[in-house]
């Protein structure tokens, strides 16, 4: 199968970087407060703008942590599937060089030519899209899988991936369903 995987909040923990930035400005949030919301919805307009400025500078994208289990799962998936990373980098154009370097450093098993820096993910020709933002599912021609995150909890999706350790089994099940 051809699998397209989002980067931010799926492979790269950019939310943790936002939270660290906001903690330095005196904010702290409970899990309940963050459920179903983006962190920028929980802060003043000025601080939300500061987060956006940080993201638009792009550097933060090269320094984020890897989501737990992602490296191991992708190592397994690339053995039997064609894996692409599809990131909506055009939202933050200065992030592109940092995202490419981050991928090369943390996911060398995915060829750099399989990194797609895009805006509208409906252009991706893949069998499966794994993404944390259901807004990217509209117009996508394959099977969509929502990667679980606090901000997307409560959204009704057909397939949800709770953790990377479940990915190989989920992909195998989707492949069998598709073959029927």
C-alpha atoms as a PDB file:
ATOM      1  CA  UNK A   1       0.000   0.000   0.000  1.00  0.00           C
ATOM      2  CA  UNK A   2       0.989   3.596  -0.483  1.00  0.00           C
ATOM      3  CA  UNK A   3       0.760   5.411   2.859  1.00  0.00           C
ATOM      4  CA  UNK A   4       0.965   9.186   3.338  1.00  0.00           C
ATOM      5  CA  UNK A   5       1.766  10.318   6.876  1.00  0.00           C
ATOM      6  CA  UNK A   6       1.495  13.819   8.277  1.00  0.00           C
ATOM      7  CA  UNK A   7       4.484  15.215  10.142  1.00  0.00           C
ATOM      8  CA  UNK A   8       3.383  17.720  12.819  1.00  0.00           C
ATOM      9  CA  UNK A   9       1.553  16.137  15.767  1.00  0.00           C
ATOM     10  CA  UNK A  10       1.908  12.727  14.084  1.00  0.00           C
ATOM     11  CA  UNK A  11       5.677  12.205  13.822  1.00  0.00           C
ATOM     12  CA  UNK A  12       6.920  15.490  15.308  1.00  0.00           C
ATOM     13  CA  UNK A  13       5.696  16.745  18.679  1.00  0.00           C
ATOM     14  CA  UNK A  14       5.226  20.382  17.706  1.00  0.00           C
ATOM     15  CA  UNK A  15       2.468  20.740  20.288  1.00  0.00           C
ATOM     16  CA  UNK A  16       5.022  20.141  23.069  1.00  0.00           C
ATOM     17  CA  UNK A  17       7.117  22.994  21.647  1.00  0.00           C
ATOM     18  CA  UNK A  18       4.073  25.284  21.692  1.00  0.00           C
ATOM     19  CA  UNK A  19       3.289  24.263  25.277  1.00  0.00           C
ATOM     20  CA  UNK A  20       6.880  24.925  26.386  1.00  0.00           C
ATOM     21  CA  UNK A  21       6.759  28.347  24.731  1.00  0.00           C
ATOM     22  CA  UNK A  22       3.488  29.153  26.514  1.00  0.00           C
ATOM     23  CA  UNK A  23       4.643  27.791  29.887  1.00  0.00           C
ATOM     24  CA  UNK A  24       7.540  30.246  29.697  1.00  0.00           C
ATOM     25  CA  UNK A  25       4.862  32.945  29.510  1.00  0.00           C
ATOM     26  CA  UNK A  26       3.027  31.696  32.604  1.00  0.00           C
ATOM     27  CA  UNK A  27       0.407  29.421  31.073  1.00  0.00           C
ATOM     28  CA  UNK A  28      -0.427  25.905  32.174  1.00  0.00           C
ATOM     29  CA  UNK A  29      -3.267  23.747  30.942  1.00  0.00           C
ATOM     30  CA  UNK A  30      -4.953  20.571  32.097  1.00  0.00           C
ATOM     31  CA  UNK A  31      -5.635  17.734  29.695  1.00  0.00           C
ATOM     32  CA  UNK A  32      -9.360  18.483  30.012  1.00  0.00           C
ATOM     33  CA  UNK A  33      -8.799  22.106  28.999  1.00  0.00           C
ATOM     34  CA  UNK A  34      -6.849  21.034  25.910  1.00  0.00           C
ATOM     35  CA  UNK A  35      -9.264  18.295  24.814  1.00  0.00           C
ATOM     36  CA  UNK A  36     -10.961  19.314  21.590  1.00  0.00           C
ATOM     37  CA  UNK A  37      -9.019  22.584  21.303  1.00  0.00           C
ATOM     38  CA  UNK A  38      -5.801  23.938  19.888  1.00  0.00           C
ATOM     39  CA  UNK A  39      -3.597  25.509  22.561  1.00  0.00           C
ATOM     40  CA  UNK A  40      -3.772  28.858  20.788  1.00  0.00           C
ATOM     41  CA  UNK A  41      -7.506  28.914  21.558  1.00  0.00           C
ATOM     42  CA  UNK A  42      -6.674  28.919  25.291  1.00  0.00           C
ATOM     43  CA  UNK A  43      -4.419  31.979  25.391  1.00  0.00           C
ATOM     44  CA  UNK A  44      -4.704  35.699  24.801  1.00  0.00           C
ATOM     45  CA  UNK A  45      -4.786  36.949  21.222  1.00  0.00           C
ATOM     46  CA  UNK A  46      -1.343  38.477  21.760  1.00  0.00           C
ATOM     47  CA  UNK A  47       0.179  35.188  22.901  1.00  0.00           C
ATOM     48  CA  UNK A  48      -1.558  33.253  20.125  1.00  0.00           C
ATOM     49  CA  UNK A  49       0.090  35.709  17.708  1.00  0.00           C
ATOM     50  CA  UNK A  50       3.454  35.084  19.404  1.00  0.00           C
ATOM     51  CA  UNK A  51       3.023  31.332  18.851  1.00  0.00           C
ATOM     52  CA  UNK A  52       2.236  31.989  15.186  1.00  0.00           C
ATOM     53  CA  UNK A  53       5.331  34.191  14.883  1.00  0.00           C
ATOM     54  CA  UNK A  54       7.459  31.395  16.354  1.00  0.00           C
ATOM     55  CA  UNK A  55       5.998  28.929  13.844  1.00  0.00           C
ATOM     56  CA  UNK A  56       6.442  31.320  10.909  1.00  0.00           C
ATOM     57  CA  UNK A  57      10.146  31.701  11.740  1.00  0.00           C
ATOM     58  CA  UNK A  58      10.407  27.952  11.085  1.00  0.00           C
ATOM     59  CA  UNK A  59      13.359  27.057  13.318  1.00  0.00           C
ATOM     60  CA  UNK A  60      11.188  25.308  15.923  1.00  0.00           C
ATOM     61  CA  UNK A  61      10.279  22.608  13.381  1.00  0.00           C
ATOM     62  CA  UNK A  62      13.882  21.420  13.314  1.00  0.00           C
ATOM     63  CA  UNK A  63      14.115  20.988  17.070  1.00  0.00           C
ATOM     64  CA  UNK A  64      10.966  19.143  18.132  1.00  0.00           C
ATOM     65  CA  UNK A  65      10.845  15.706  19.723  1.00  0.00           C
ATOM     66  CA  UNK A  66       9.738  12.567  17.903  1.00  0.00           C
ATOM     67  CA  UNK A  67       6.311  11.196  18.842  1.00  0.00           C
ATOM     68  CA  UNK A  68       6.787   8.030  20.879  1.00  0.00           C
ATOM     69  CA  UNK A  69       6.945   4.863  18.786  1.00  0.00           C
ATOM     70  CA  UNK A  70       6.969   6.639  15.417  1.00  0.00           C
ATOM     71  CA  UNK A  71      10.486   5.623  14.387  1.00  0.00           C
ATOM     72  CA  UNK A  72       9.902   1.960  15.156  1.00  0.00           C
ATOM     73  CA  UNK A  73       6.525   1.931  13.394  1.00  0.00           C
ATOM     74  CA  UNK A  74       7.850   3.607  10.250  1.00  0.00           C
ATOM     75  CA  UNK A  75      10.810   1.229  10.179  1.00  0.00           C
ATOM     76  CA  UNK A  76       8.295  -1.622  10.040  1.00  0.00           C
ATOM     77  CA  UNK A  77       5.943   0.047   7.571  1.00  0.00           C
ATOM     78  CA  UNK A  78       8.659   0.851   5.005  1.00  0.00           C
ATOM     79  CA  UNK A  79       9.512  -2.860   4.809  1.00  0.00           C
ATOM     80  CA  UNK A  80       6.190  -3.715   3.131  1.00  0.00           C
ATOM     81  CA  UNK A  81       4.707  -0.408   1.991  1.00  0.00           C
ATOM     82  CA  UNK A  82       5.521   2.737   0.079  1.00  0.00           C
ATOM     83  CA  UNK A  83       5.645   5.473   2.743  1.00  0.00           C
ATOM     84  CA  UNK A  84       5.468   9.209   2.050  1.00  0.00           C
ATOM     85  CA  UNK A  85       5.524  12.062   4.532  1.00  0.00           C
ATOM     86  CA  UNK A  86       2.947  14.700   3.550  1.00  0.00           C
ATOM     87  CA  UNK A  87       3.268  17.886   5.572  1.00  0.00           C
ATOM     88  CA  UNK A  88       1.312  21.097   5.043  1.00  0.00           C
ATOM     89  CA  UNK A  89       4.567  23.046   5.170  1.00  0.00           C
ATOM     90  CA  UNK A  90       3.230  25.825   2.960  1.00  0.00           C
ATOM     91  CA  UNK A  91       1.350  27.140   5.995  1.00  0.00           C
ATOM     92  CA  UNK A  92       4.812  28.021   7.381  1.00  0.00           C
ATOM     93  CA  UNK A  93       7.166  28.291   4.367  1.00  0.00           C
ATOM     94  CA  UNK A  94      10.246  29.028   6.500  1.00  0.00           C
ATOM     95  CA  UNK A  95       9.762  25.596   8.082  1.00  0.00           C
ATOM     96  CA  UNK A  96      10.642  23.661   4.926  1.00  0.00           C
ATOM     97  CA  UNK A  97      14.418  23.440   5.298  1.00  0.00           C
ATOM     98  CA  UNK A  98      14.044  22.615   9.008  1.00  0.00           C
ATOM     99  CA  UNK A  99      11.462  19.906   8.355  1.00  0.00           C
ATOM    100  CA  UNK A 100      13.644  18.237   5.727  1.00  0.00           C
ATOM    101  CA  UNK A 101      16.663  18.251   8.061  1.00  0.00           C
ATOM    102  CA  UNK A 102      14.522  16.906  10.927  1.00  0.00           C
ATOM    103  CA  UNK A 103      13.228  14.059   8.761  1.00  0.00           C
ATOM    104  CA  UNK A 104      16.733  13.143   7.573  1.00  0.00           C
ATOM    105  CA  UNK A 105      17.950  13.102  11.182  1.00  0.00           C
ATOM    106  CA  UNK A 106      15.078  11.155  12.753  1.00  0.00           C
ATOM    107  CA  UNK A 107      13.601   9.097   9.893  1.00  0.00           C
ATOM    108  CA  UNK A 108      16.457   8.063   7.596  1.00  0.00           C
ATOM    109  CA  UNK A 109      14.407   5.020   6.563  1.00  0.00           C
ATOM    110  CA  UNK A 110      12.108   7.332   4.566  1.00  0.00           C
ATOM    111  CA  UNK A 111      13.854   8.584   1.404  1.00  0.00           C
ATOM    112  CA  UNK A 112      14.022  12.379   1.217  1.00  0.00           C
ATOM    113  CA  UNK A 113      12.317  12.159  -2.185  1.00  0.00           C
ATOM    114  CA  UNK A 114       9.300  10.711  -0.351  1.00  0.00           C
ATOM    115  CA  UNK A 115       8.881  13.937   1.611  1.00  0.00           C
ATOM    116  CA  UNK A 116       5.993  16.004   0.212  1.00  0.00           C
ATOM    117  CA  UNK A 117       5.842  19.657   1.282  1.00  0.00           C
ATOM    118  CA  UNK A 118       2.356  20.779   0.362  1.00  0.00           C
ATOM    119  CA  UNK A 119      -0.702  22.748   1.348  1.00  0.00           C
ATOM    120  CA  UNK A 120      -3.777  20.865   0.133  1.00  0.00           C
ATOM    121  CA  UNK A 121      -3.367  17.168   0.913  1.00  0.00           C
ATOM    122  CA  UNK A 122      -6.184  16.122  -1.431  1.00  0.00           C
ATOM    123  CA  UNK A 123      -3.540  16.121  -4.187  1.00  0.00           C
ATOM    124  CA  UNK A 124      -1.740  13.187  -2.557  1.00  0.00           C
ATOM    125  CA  UNK A 125      -2.220   9.932  -4.483  1.00  0.00           C
ATOM    126  CA  UNK A 126      -2.044   7.382  -1.674  1.00  0.00           C
ATOM    127  CA  UNK A 127      -4.173   4.541  -0.383  1.00  0.00           C
ATOM    128  CA  UNK A 128      -4.071   5.799   3.215  1.00  0.00           C
ATOM    129  CA  UNK A 129      -3.558   9.200   4.851  1.00  0.00           C
ATOM    130  CA  UNK A 130      -2.618   9.299   8.541  1.00  0.00           C
ATOM    131  CA  UNK A 131      -3.122  12.826   9.887  1.00  0.00           C
ATOM    132  CA  UNK A 132      -4.116  14.508  13.147  1.00  0.00           C
ATOM    133  CA  UNK A 133      -6.216  17.182  11.406  1.00  0.00           C
ATOM    134  CA  UNK A 134      -9.498  15.925   9.930  1.00  0.00           C
ATOM    135  CA  UNK A 135      -9.616  19.096   7.794  1.00  0.00           C
ATOM    136  CA  UNK A 136      -7.013  17.385   5.584  1.00  0.00           C
ATOM    137  CA  UNK A 137      -9.346  14.439   4.949  1.00  0.00           C
ATOM    138  CA  UNK A 138     -11.721  16.398   2.716  1.00  0.00           C
ATOM    139  CA  UNK A 139     -11.125  15.515  -0.905  1.00  0.00           C
ATOM    140  CA  UNK A 140      -8.562  12.805  -0.140  1.00  0.00           C
ATOM    141  CA  UNK A 141      -9.329   9.808  -2.341  1.00  0.00           C
ATOM    142  CA  UNK A 142      -8.159   7.018  -0.057  1.00  0.00           C
ATOM    143  CA  UNK A 143      -8.735   5.752   3.463  1.00  0.00           C
ATOM    144  CA  UNK A 144      -8.266   8.366   6.175  1.00  0.00           C
ATOM    145  CA  UNK A 145      -6.889   7.594   9.627  1.00  0.00           C
ATOM    146  CA  UNK A 146      -6.990  10.193  12.376  1.00  0.00           C
ATOM    147  CA  UNK A 147      -3.873  10.110  14.551  1.00  0.00           C
ATOM    148  CA  UNK A 148      -5.108  10.703  18.087  1.00  0.00           C
ATOM    149  CA  UNK A 149      -4.299  14.045  19.696  1.00  0.00           C
ATOM    150  CA  UNK A 150      -5.991  16.045  22.413  1.00  0.00           C
ATOM    151  CA  UNK A 151      -7.175  18.650  19.913  1.00  0.00           C
ATOM    152  CA  UNK A 152      -9.042  16.100  17.742  1.00  0.00           C
ATOM    153  CA  UNK A 153     -10.710  14.081  20.474  1.00  0.00           C
ATOM    154  CA  UNK A 154     -14.453  14.108  20.173  1.00  0.00           C
ATOM    155  CA  UNK A 155     -14.336  14.285  16.383  1.00  0.00           C
ATOM    156  CA  UNK A 156     -16.148  11.435  14.693  1.00  0.00           C
ATOM    157  CA  UNK A 157     -13.756   9.537  12.427  1.00  0.00           C
ATOM    158  CA  UNK A 158     -13.973   6.078  10.853  1.00  0.00           C
ATOM    159  CA  UNK A 159     -10.414   5.102  11.800  1.00  0.00           C
ATOM    160  CA  UNK A 160      -8.367   6.423  14.721  1.00  0.00           C
ATOM    161  CA  UNK A 161      -4.753   5.503  15.474  1.00  0.00           C
ATOM    162  CA  UNK A 162      -4.204   5.893  19.212  1.00  0.00           C
ATOM    163  CA  UNK A 163      -0.462   5.175  19.245  1.00  0.00           C
ATOM    164  CA  UNK A 164       2.241   4.255  16.743  1.00  0.00           C
ATOM    165  CA  UNK A 165       2.656   0.739  18.130  1.00  0.00           C
ATOM    166  CA  UNK A 166      -0.824  -0.023  16.709  1.00  0.00           C
ATOM    167  CA  UNK A 167       0.020   1.179  13.184  1.00  0.00           C
ATOM    168  CA  UNK A 168       1.304  -2.042  11.568  1.00  0.00           C
ATOM    169  CA  UNK A 169      -1.795  -3.978  12.679  1.00  0.00           C
ATOM    170  CA  UNK A 170      -4.144  -1.185  11.583  1.00  0.00           C
ATOM    171  CA  UNK A 171      -2.528  -0.959   8.147  1.00  0.00           C
ATOM    172  CA  UNK A 172      -2.731  -4.744   7.757  1.00  0.00           C
ATOM    173  CA  UNK A 173      -6.448  -4.657   8.655  1.00  0.00           C
ATOM    174  CA  UNK A 174      -7.108  -1.780   6.238  1.00  0.00           C
ATOM    175  CA  UNK A 175      -5.250  -3.626   3.507  1.00  0.00           C
ATOM    176  CA  UNK A 176      -7.433  -6.714   4.026  1.00  0.00           C
ATOM    177  CA  UNK A 177     -10.632  -4.617   4.039  1.00  0.00           C
ATOM    178  CA  UNK A 178      -9.535  -2.898   0.842  1.00  0.00           C
ATOM    179  CA  UNK A 179      -8.887  -6.241  -0.873  1.00  0.00           C
ATOM    180  CA  UNK A 180     -12.429  -7.503  -0.178  1.00  0.00           C
END
